[in-house]
Amino acid sequence: MRATRLVAPLDAAFDAVEGGWRPVTESFRASPTGRQLVGFVDARVAAGATVYPPEPLRALALTPLESVRVVILGQDPYHGEGQAEGLAFSVPAEVKPPPSLRNIFKELQRDLGQPPPGPGSLLSWALRGVLLLNTCLTVEDGQPASHAQRGWEVLTDKMIDAVVRLPEPVAFLLWGAHAQAKVDRLAGSVHRAWLANHPSPLSAMRPPRPFIGCGHFSAAAGFLAAAGRPVDWGLPARGSACEPTPP
């Protein structure tokens, strides 16, 4: 059974990073901000805090830098027991989709006519080059944004910059103010960004950029298809034979 909380020292997560992401994470880990972040997270776990997710850098293992076609940027992980699995907006297949994820599925159906999937896991997307990244990668139980401004944002900015340096076009779907603040990092690149409100029920229908009706899935698919980099937004139904097994 997969762990639901962070137990191992944070350095172990950095040690496991491979491929093109490793220079990015290693330069950060060696910096004063990186060492402070590791010390902070480890101290909170040692003090008895329940910290999610169990694998903060899992998105990097599932979506190698060289394979990134889409970046979906969230804020911080889900802060409920068993929800966060190291992929922005995604929950384990056996967990009921939270409201924000249900709105993502609603827009996927409205935009592409794709029926809502059974499970709430977005693992299939991650394995197809959709980087599901939060700006902050750990959180404490029941305390949203509890690990914000502790250093994660510096690392995730470096990750975004690494994607921006890729020569092939990437679609950035920036939902909510935290994500939209990153749009200037794409200036002068071959990439393209689409902006909308966060899919949370509190903002999904509100102006100036309602999430419901944004059409980002079809827009990104069209952009990438024209670049010869098609993206598959399909998600498996619960119990489907094509449902991937989580690594």
C-alpha atoms as a PDB file:
ATOM      1  CA  MET A   1       0.000   0.000   0.000  1.00  0.00           C
ATOM      2  CA  ARG A   2       1.368   3.405  -1.013  1.00  0.00           C
ATOM      3  CA  ALA A   3       2.276   5.771   1.837  1.00  0.00           C
ATOM      4  CA  THR A   4       0.068   8.832   2.176  1.00  0.00           C
ATOM      5  CA  ARG A   5       2.479  11.164   3.966  1.00  0.00           C
ATOM      6  CA  LEU A   6       6.134  12.186   3.851  1.00  0.00           C
ATOM      7  CA  VAL A   7       8.300  10.014   6.058  1.00  0.00           C
ATOM      8  CA  ALA A   8      11.780   9.889   4.496  1.00  0.00           C
ATOM      9  CA  PRO A   9      14.192  12.844   4.741  1.00  0.00           C
ATOM     10  CA  LEU A  10      13.632  15.328   1.936  1.00  0.00           C
ATOM     11  CA  ASP A  11      17.173  14.715   0.672  1.00  0.00           C
ATOM     12  CA  ALA A  12      16.038  11.217  -0.340  1.00  0.00           C
ATOM     13  CA  ALA A  13      13.553  12.762  -2.779  1.00  0.00           C
ATOM     14  CA  PHE A  14      16.307  14.878  -4.324  1.00  0.00           C
ATOM     15  CA  ASP A  15      18.626  11.863  -4.507  1.00  0.00           C
ATOM     16  CA  ALA A  16      16.053  10.015  -6.632  1.00  0.00           C
ATOM     17  CA  VAL A  17      15.801  12.700  -9.347  1.00  0.00           C
ATOM     18  CA  GLU A  18      17.320  11.592 -12.652  1.00  0.00           C
ATOM     19  CA  GLY A  19      17.859  12.798 -16.209  1.00  0.00           C
ATOM     20  CA  GLY A  20      17.456  16.367 -17.341  1.00  0.00           C
ATOM     21  CA  TRP A  21      15.801  17.456 -14.112  1.00  0.00           C
ATOM     22  CA  ARG A  22      18.787  16.532 -11.945  1.00  0.00           C
ATOM     23  CA  PRO A  23      21.025  19.551 -12.712  1.00  0.00           C
ATOM     24  CA  VAL A  24      18.061  21.786 -11.878  1.00  0.00           C
ATOM     25  CA  THR A  25      17.272  20.143  -8.553  1.00  0.00           C
ATOM     26  CA  GLU A  26      20.906  19.645  -7.535  1.00  0.00           C
ATOM     27  CA  SER A  27      21.878  23.283  -8.073  1.00  0.00           C
ATOM     28  CA  PHE A  28      18.888  24.294  -5.966  1.00  0.00           C
ATOM     29  CA  ARG A  29      19.593  21.742  -3.225  1.00  0.00           C
ATOM     30  CA  ALA A  30      23.169  23.011  -2.890  1.00  0.00           C
ATOM     31  CA  SER A  31      22.030  26.617  -2.495  1.00  0.00           C
ATOM     32  CA  PRO A  32      21.352  28.286   0.860  1.00  0.00           C
ATOM     33  CA  THR A  33      17.625  28.385   0.021  1.00  0.00           C
ATOM     34  CA  GLY A  34      17.676  24.687  -0.804  1.00  0.00           C
ATOM     35  CA  ARG A  35      19.405  23.724   2.420  1.00  0.00           C
ATOM     36  CA  GLN A  36      16.991  25.883   4.411  1.00  0.00           C
ATOM     37  CA  LEU A  37      14.009  24.204   2.734  1.00  0.00           C
ATOM     38  CA  VAL A  38      15.324  20.695   3.422  1.00  0.00           C
ATOM     39  CA  GLY A  39      15.980  21.620   7.037  1.00  0.00           C
ATOM     40  CA  PHE A  40      12.536  23.147   7.465  1.00  0.00           C
ATOM     41  CA  VAL A  41      10.595  20.215   5.995  1.00  0.00           C
ATOM     42  CA  ASP A  42      12.643  17.609   7.871  1.00  0.00           C
ATOM     43  CA  ALA A  43      12.188  19.542  11.124  1.00  0.00           C
ATOM     44  CA  ARG A  44       8.422  19.658  10.672  1.00  0.00           C
ATOM     45  CA  VAL A  45       8.265  15.899  10.054  1.00  0.00           C
ATOM     46  CA  ALA A  46      10.527  15.261  13.066  1.00  0.00           C
ATOM     47  CA  ALA A  47       8.234  17.438  15.188  1.00  0.00           C
ATOM     48  CA  GLY A  48       5.289  15.199  14.344  1.00  0.00           C
ATOM     49  CA  ALA A  49       3.637  17.265  11.617  1.00  0.00           C
ATOM     50  CA  THR A  50       1.772  15.307   8.951  1.00  0.00           C
ATOM     51  CA  VAL A  51       3.278  16.459   5.661  1.00  0.00           C
ATOM     52  CA  TYR A  52       1.934  15.617   2.196  1.00  0.00           C
ATOM     53  CA  PRO A  53       2.667  14.196  -0.339  1.00  0.00           C
ATOM     54  CA  PRO A  54       4.886  11.178   0.371  1.00  0.00           C
ATOM     55  CA  GLU A  55       6.926  11.874  -2.801  1.00  0.00           C
ATOM     56  CA  PRO A  56       7.190  15.645  -3.314  1.00  0.00           C
ATOM     57  CA  LEU A  57       9.198  15.339  -6.561  1.00  0.00           C
ATOM     58  CA  ARG A  58       7.184  12.513  -8.114  1.00  0.00           C
ATOM     59  CA  ALA A  59       6.094  14.624 -11.093  1.00  0.00           C
ATOM     60  CA  LEU A  60       9.721  14.787 -12.235  1.00  0.00           C
ATOM     61  CA  ALA A  61      10.063  11.008 -12.235  1.00  0.00           C
ATOM     62  CA  LEU A  62       6.878  10.507 -14.243  1.00  0.00           C
ATOM     63  CA  THR A  63       7.477  13.336 -16.724  1.00  0.00           C
ATOM     64  CA  PRO A  64      11.134  13.640 -17.764  1.00  0.00           C
ATOM     65  CA  LEU A  65      12.188  17.136 -18.791  1.00  0.00           C
ATOM     66  CA  GLU A  66      12.807  16.122 -22.393  1.00  0.00           C
ATOM     67  CA  SER A  67       9.274  14.701 -22.741  1.00  0.00           C
ATOM     68  CA  VAL A  68       7.336  17.748 -21.473  1.00  0.00           C
ATOM     69  CA  ARG A  69       4.629  18.901 -23.903  1.00  0.00           C
ATOM     70  CA  VAL A  70       2.230  20.594 -21.488  1.00  0.00           C
ATOM     71  CA  VAL A  71       2.709  22.290 -18.129  1.00  0.00           C
ATOM     72  CA  ILE A  72      -0.308  22.549 -15.831  1.00  0.00           C
ATOM     73  CA  LEU A  73       0.612  24.665 -12.841  1.00  0.00           C
ATOM     74  CA  GLY A  74      -1.180  24.489  -9.505  1.00  0.00           C
ATOM     75  CA  GLN A  75      -0.522  26.126  -6.119  1.00  0.00           C
ATOM     76  CA  ASP A  76       0.228  23.589  -3.393  1.00  0.00           C
ATOM     77  CA  PRO A  77      -0.723  19.942  -2.796  1.00  0.00           C
ATOM     78  CA  TYR A  78      -4.077  18.818  -1.449  1.00  0.00           C
ATOM     79  CA  HIS A  79      -4.009  19.006   2.340  1.00  0.00           C
ATOM     80  CA  GLY A  80      -6.421  16.144   3.143  1.00  0.00           C
ATOM     81  CA  GLU A  81      -5.433  12.631   4.186  1.00  0.00           C
ATOM     82  CA  GLY A  82      -4.715  10.378   1.218  1.00  0.00           C
ATOM     83  CA  GLN A  83      -5.349  13.022  -1.462  1.00  0.00           C
ATOM     84  CA  ALA A  84      -1.952  14.376  -2.532  1.00  0.00           C
ATOM     85  CA  GLU A  85       0.106  12.091  -4.759  1.00  0.00           C
ATOM     86  CA  GLY A  86       2.825  14.430  -6.002  1.00  0.00           C
ATOM     87  CA  LEU A  87       0.957  15.518  -9.148  1.00  0.00           C
ATOM     88  CA  ALA A  88      -0.883  18.835  -9.287  1.00  0.00           C
ATOM     89  CA  PHE A  89      -4.697  18.432  -9.141  1.00  0.00           C
ATOM     90  CA  SER A  90      -4.439  14.609  -9.217  1.00  0.00           C
ATOM     91  CA  VAL A  91      -5.539  12.188  -6.498  1.00  0.00           C
ATOM     92  CA  PRO A  92      -4.980   8.420  -6.200  1.00  0.00           C
ATOM     93  CA  ALA A  93      -7.430   6.363  -8.243  1.00  0.00           C
ATOM     94  CA  GLU A  94      -9.329   5.163  -5.178  1.00  0.00           C
ATOM     95  CA  VAL A  95      -9.894   8.708  -3.822  1.00  0.00           C
ATOM     96  CA  LYS A  96     -13.005  10.731  -4.713  1.00  0.00           C
ATOM     97  CA  PRO A  97     -12.066  13.669  -6.978  1.00  0.00           C
ATOM     98  CA  PRO A  98     -12.047  16.982  -5.055  1.00  0.00           C
ATOM     99  CA  PRO A  99     -14.146  19.906  -6.350  1.00  0.00           C
ATOM    100  CA  SER A 100     -11.336  21.528  -8.384  1.00  0.00           C
ATOM    101  CA  LEU A 101     -10.623  18.255 -10.154  1.00  0.00           C
ATOM    102  CA  ARG A 102     -14.308  17.707 -10.840  1.00  0.00           C
ATOM    103  CA  ASN A 103     -14.374  21.102 -12.547  1.00  0.00           C
ATOM    104  CA  ILE A 104     -11.362  20.088 -14.646  1.00  0.00           C
ATOM    105  CA  PHE A 105     -13.284  17.007 -15.757  1.00  0.00           C
ATOM    106  CA  LYS A 106     -16.366  19.162 -16.411  1.00  0.00           C
ATOM    107  CA  GLU A 107     -14.397  21.474 -18.707  1.00  0.00           C
ATOM    108  CA  LEU A 108     -12.735  18.500 -20.394  1.00  0.00           C
ATOM    109  CA  GLN A 109     -16.195  17.154 -21.219  1.00  0.00           C
ATOM    110  CA  ARG A 110     -17.523  20.540 -22.353  1.00  0.00           C
ATOM    111  CA  ASP A 111     -14.458  21.270 -24.475  1.00  0.00           C
ATOM    112  CA  LEU A 112     -13.708  17.871 -25.997  1.00  0.00           C
ATOM    113  CA  GLY A 113     -16.872  15.850 -25.370  1.00  0.00           C
ATOM    114  CA  GLN A 114     -14.865  13.488 -23.215  1.00  0.00           C
ATOM    115  CA  PRO A 115     -16.922  11.722 -20.501  1.00  0.00           C
ATOM    116  CA  PRO A 116     -15.635  12.226 -16.947  1.00  0.00           C
ATOM    117  CA  PRO A 117     -13.318   9.383 -15.944  1.00  0.00           C
ATOM    118  CA  GLY A 118     -14.037   7.062 -13.028  1.00  0.00           C
ATOM    119  CA  PRO A 119     -10.866   7.682 -11.004  1.00  0.00           C
ATOM    120  CA  GLY A 120      -9.365  11.052 -10.164  1.00  0.00           C
ATOM    121  CA  SER A 121      -5.797  10.119 -11.012  1.00  0.00           C
ATOM    122  CA  LEU A 122      -4.099  12.120 -13.772  1.00  0.00           C
ATOM    123  CA  LEU A 123      -1.234   9.633 -13.950  1.00  0.00           C
ATOM    124  CA  SER A 124      -1.992   8.941 -17.624  1.00  0.00           C
ATOM    125  CA  TRP A 125      -1.376  12.591 -18.460  1.00  0.00           C
ATOM    126  CA  ALA A 126       1.908  12.661 -16.547  1.00  0.00           C
ATOM    127  CA  LEU A 127       3.153   9.627 -18.467  1.00  0.00           C
ATOM    128  CA  ARG A 128       2.301  11.356 -21.769  1.00  0.00           C
ATOM    129  CA  GLY A 129       4.304  14.514 -21.167  1.00  0.00           C
ATOM    130  CA  VAL A 130       1.900  16.641 -19.107  1.00  0.00           C
ATOM    131  CA  LEU A 131       3.936  18.102 -16.245  1.00  0.00           C
ATOM    132  CA  LEU A 132       1.550  18.434 -13.290  1.00  0.00           C
ATOM    133  CA  LEU A 133       3.490  20.878 -11.158  1.00  0.00           C
ATOM    134  CA  ASN A 134       2.542  22.868  -8.078  1.00  0.00           C
ATOM    135  CA  THR A 135       4.415  26.050  -7.217  1.00  0.00           C
ATOM    136  CA  CYS A 136       4.861  24.694  -3.658  1.00  0.00           C
ATOM    137  CA  LEU A 137       5.498  20.958  -3.297  1.00  0.00           C
ATOM    138  CA  THR A 138       4.664  20.119   0.334  1.00  0.00           C
ATOM    139  CA  VAL A 139       1.867  21.037   2.724  1.00  0.00           C
ATOM    140  CA  GLU A 140       0.738  20.102   6.235  1.00  0.00           C
ATOM    141  CA  ASP A 141      -2.486  18.298   7.015  1.00  0.00           C
ATOM    142  CA  GLY A 142      -5.436  20.662   7.020  1.00  0.00           C
ATOM    143  CA  GLN A 143      -3.250  23.758   6.518  1.00  0.00           C
ATOM    144  CA  PRO A 144      -3.240  25.044   2.927  1.00  0.00           C
ATOM    145  CA  ALA A 145      -0.161  27.084   1.961  1.00  0.00           C
ATOM    146  CA  SER A 146       1.562  26.060   5.209  1.00  0.00           C
ATOM    147  CA  HIS A 147       4.856  25.478   3.367  1.00  0.00           C
ATOM    148  CA  ALA A 148       4.564  28.452   1.021  1.00  0.00           C
ATOM    149  CA  GLN A 149       7.464  30.907   0.842  1.00  0.00           C
ATOM    150  CA  ARG A 150       9.873  28.371   2.340  1.00  0.00           C
ATOM    151  CA  GLY A 151      11.877  27.856  -0.850  1.00  0.00           C
ATOM    152  CA  TRP A 152       9.796  25.581  -3.030  1.00  0.00           C
ATOM    153  CA  GLU A 153       8.786  28.492  -5.262  1.00  0.00           C
ATOM    154  CA  VAL A 154      12.447  29.156  -6.078  1.00  0.00           C
ATOM    155  CA  LEU A 155      12.878  25.552  -7.205  1.00  0.00           C
ATOM    156  CA  THR A 156       9.669  25.391  -9.219  1.00  0.00           C
ATOM    157  CA  ASP A 157      10.591  28.649 -10.973  1.00  0.00           C
ATOM    158  CA  LYS A 158      13.856  26.975 -11.972  1.00  0.00           C
ATOM    159  CA  MET A 159      11.874  23.987 -13.266  1.00  0.00           C
ATOM    160  CA  ILE A 160       9.661  26.278 -15.342  1.00  0.00           C
ATOM    161  CA  ASP A 161      12.750  28.029 -16.713  1.00  0.00           C
ATOM    162  CA  ALA A 162      14.228  24.647 -17.680  1.00  0.00           C
ATOM    163  CA  VAL A 163      11.067  23.864 -19.666  1.00  0.00           C
ATOM    164  CA  VAL A 164      11.141  27.304 -21.288  1.00  0.00           C
ATOM    165  CA  ARG A 165      14.671  26.557 -22.536  1.00  0.00           C
ATOM    166  CA  LEU A 166      13.444  23.477 -24.422  1.00  0.00           C
ATOM    167  CA  PRO A 167      13.591  23.980 -28.207  1.00  0.00           C
ATOM    168  CA  GLU A 168      10.246  22.312 -28.977  1.00  0.00           C
ATOM    169  CA  PRO A 169       6.941  24.126 -28.299  1.00  0.00           C
ATOM    170  CA  VAL A 170       5.246  23.509 -24.942  1.00  0.00           C
ATOM    171  CA  ALA A 171       1.711  24.542 -23.925  1.00  0.00           C
ATOM    172  CA  PHE A 172       1.435  26.200 -20.497  1.00  0.00           C
ATOM    173  CA  LEU A 173      -1.996  26.106 -18.856  1.00  0.00           C
ATOM    174  CA  LEU A 174      -1.887  28.669 -16.063  1.00  0.00           C
ATOM    175  CA  TRP A 175      -4.916  28.468 -13.800  1.00  0.00           C
ATOM    176  CA  GLY A 176      -5.249  30.967 -10.955  1.00  0.00           C
ATOM    177  CA  ALA A 177      -3.244  33.994  -9.866  1.00  0.00           C
ATOM    178  CA  HIS A 178      -0.236  32.010  -8.609  1.00  0.00           C
ATOM    179  CA  ALA A 179       0.158  30.266 -11.950  1.00  0.00           C
ATOM    180  CA  GLN A 180      -0.590  33.354 -14.055  1.00  0.00           C
ATOM    181  CA  ALA A 181       2.242  35.207 -12.306  1.00  0.00           C
ATOM    182  CA  LYS A 182       4.669  32.938 -14.195  1.00  0.00           C
ATOM    183  CA  VAL A 183       3.574  33.978 -17.684  1.00  0.00           C
ATOM    184  CA  ASP A 184       6.384  36.511 -18.127  1.00  0.00           C
ATOM    185  CA  ARG A 185       8.928  33.699 -17.818  1.00  0.00           C
ATOM    186  CA  LEU A 186       7.819  32.548 -21.290  1.00  0.00           C
ATOM    187  CA  ALA A 187       8.564  35.880 -22.977  1.00  0.00           C
ATOM    188  CA  GLY A 188      10.437  35.518 -26.259  1.00  0.00           C
ATOM    189  CA  SER A 189      10.136  31.716 -26.318  1.00  0.00           C
ATOM    190  CA  VAL A 190       8.529  29.323 -28.797  1.00  0.00           C
ATOM    191  CA  HIS A 191       6.016  28.288 -26.151  1.00  0.00           C
ATOM    192  CA  ARG A 192       2.480  29.530 -25.555  1.00  0.00           C
ATOM    193  CA  ALA A 193       0.413  30.108 -22.429  1.00  0.00           C
ATOM    194  CA  TRP A 194      -3.333  30.099 -21.789  1.00  0.00           C
ATOM    195  CA  LEU A 195      -4.647  31.802 -18.642  1.00  0.00           C
ATOM    196  CA  ALA A 196      -7.831  31.172 -16.658  1.00  0.00           C
ATOM    197  CA  ASN A 197      -9.158  31.364 -13.140  1.00  0.00           C
ATOM    198  CA  HIS A 198      -8.358  28.507 -10.784  1.00  0.00           C
ATOM    199  CA  PRO A 199     -10.806  25.572 -11.247  1.00  0.00           C
ATOM    200  CA  SER A 200     -11.889  25.851  -7.615  1.00  0.00           C
ATOM    201  CA  PRO A 201     -15.682  26.263  -7.240  1.00  0.00           C
ATOM    202  CA  LEU A 202     -14.965  29.672  -5.696  1.00  0.00           C
ATOM    203  CA  SER A 203     -13.508  31.025  -8.937  1.00  0.00           C
ATOM    204  CA  ALA A 204     -14.233  28.641 -11.816  1.00  0.00           C
ATOM    205  CA  MET A 205     -17.197  30.654 -13.114  1.00  0.00           C
ATOM    206  CA  ARG A 206     -16.084  34.158 -12.175  1.00  0.00           C
ATOM    207  CA  PRO A 207     -14.733  36.872 -14.482  1.00  0.00           C
ATOM    208  CA  PRO A 208     -12.387  37.992 -15.862  1.00  0.00           C
ATOM    209  CA  ARG A 209     -11.225  34.560 -17.062  1.00  0.00           C
ATOM    210  CA  PRO A 210     -13.729  31.844 -16.053  1.00  0.00           C
ATOM    211  CA  PHE A 211     -12.221  28.383 -16.031  1.00  0.00           C
ATOM    212  CA  ILE A 212     -15.437  26.729 -17.197  1.00  0.00           C
ATOM    213  CA  GLY A 213     -15.618  27.564 -20.881  1.00  0.00           C
ATOM    214  CA  CYS A 214     -11.915  28.426 -21.253  1.00  0.00           C
ATOM    215  CA  GLY A 215     -11.326  25.822 -23.977  1.00  0.00           C
ATOM    216  CA  HIS A 216      -7.742  25.256 -22.936  1.00  0.00           C
ATOM    217  CA  PHE A 217      -7.682  21.536 -23.680  1.00  0.00           C
ATOM    218  CA  SER A 218      -8.650  21.896 -27.326  1.00  0.00           C
ATOM    219  CA  ALA A 219      -6.520  25.025 -27.761  1.00  0.00           C
ATOM    220  CA  ALA A 220      -3.407  23.327 -26.404  1.00  0.00           C
ATOM    221  CA  ALA A 221      -4.094  20.213 -28.472  1.00  0.00           C
ATOM    222  CA  GLY A 222      -4.388  22.295 -31.636  1.00  0.00           C
ATOM    223  CA  PHE A 223      -1.211  24.243 -30.891  1.00  0.00           C
ATOM    224  CA  LEU A 224       0.803  21.091 -30.221  1.00  0.00           C
ATOM    225  CA  ALA A 225      -0.633  19.187 -33.186  1.00  0.00           C
ATOM    226  CA  ALA A 226       0.455  22.011 -35.489  1.00  0.00           C
ATOM    227  CA  ALA A 227       3.956  21.669 -34.028  1.00  0.00           C
ATOM    228  CA  GLY A 228       3.976  17.911 -34.633  1.00  0.00           C
ATOM    229  CA  ARG A 229       3.707  17.173 -30.903  1.00  0.00           C
ATOM    230  CA  PRO A 230       0.149  15.875 -30.372  1.00  0.00           C
ATOM    231  CA  VAL A 231      -1.161  15.502 -26.830  1.00  0.00           C
ATOM    232  CA  ASP A 232      -3.700  12.887 -25.741  1.00  0.00           C
ATOM    233  CA  TRP A 233      -6.128  14.169 -23.093  1.00  0.00           C
ATOM    234  CA  GLY A 234      -7.822  10.778 -22.704  1.00  0.00           C
ATOM    235  CA  LEU A 235      -8.256   9.364 -19.208  1.00  0.00           C
ATOM    236  CA  PRO A 236      -9.220   5.766 -18.386  1.00  0.00           C
ATOM    237  CA  ALA A 237     -12.498   4.718 -16.849  1.00  0.00           C
ATOM    238  CA  ARG A 238     -12.345   3.045 -13.451  1.00  0.00           C
ATOM    239  CA  GLY A 239     -11.155  -0.531 -13.759  1.00  0.00           C
ATOM    240  CA  SER A 240     -10.222  -0.064 -17.414  1.00  0.00           C
ATOM    241  CA  ALA A 241      -7.599  -2.422 -18.746  1.00  0.00           C
ATOM    242  CA  CYS A 242      -5.734   0.590 -20.106  1.00  0.00           C
ATOM    243  CA  GLU A 243      -5.504   2.255 -16.709  1.00  0.00           C
ATOM    244  CA  PRO A 244      -1.770   2.578 -15.945  1.00  0.00           C
ATOM    245  CA  THR A 245      -0.235   1.109 -12.827  1.00  0.00           C
ATOM    246  CA  PRO A 246       1.343   3.862 -10.677  1.00  0.00           C
ATOM    247  CA  PRO A 247       5.154   3.549 -10.595  1.00  0.00           C
END
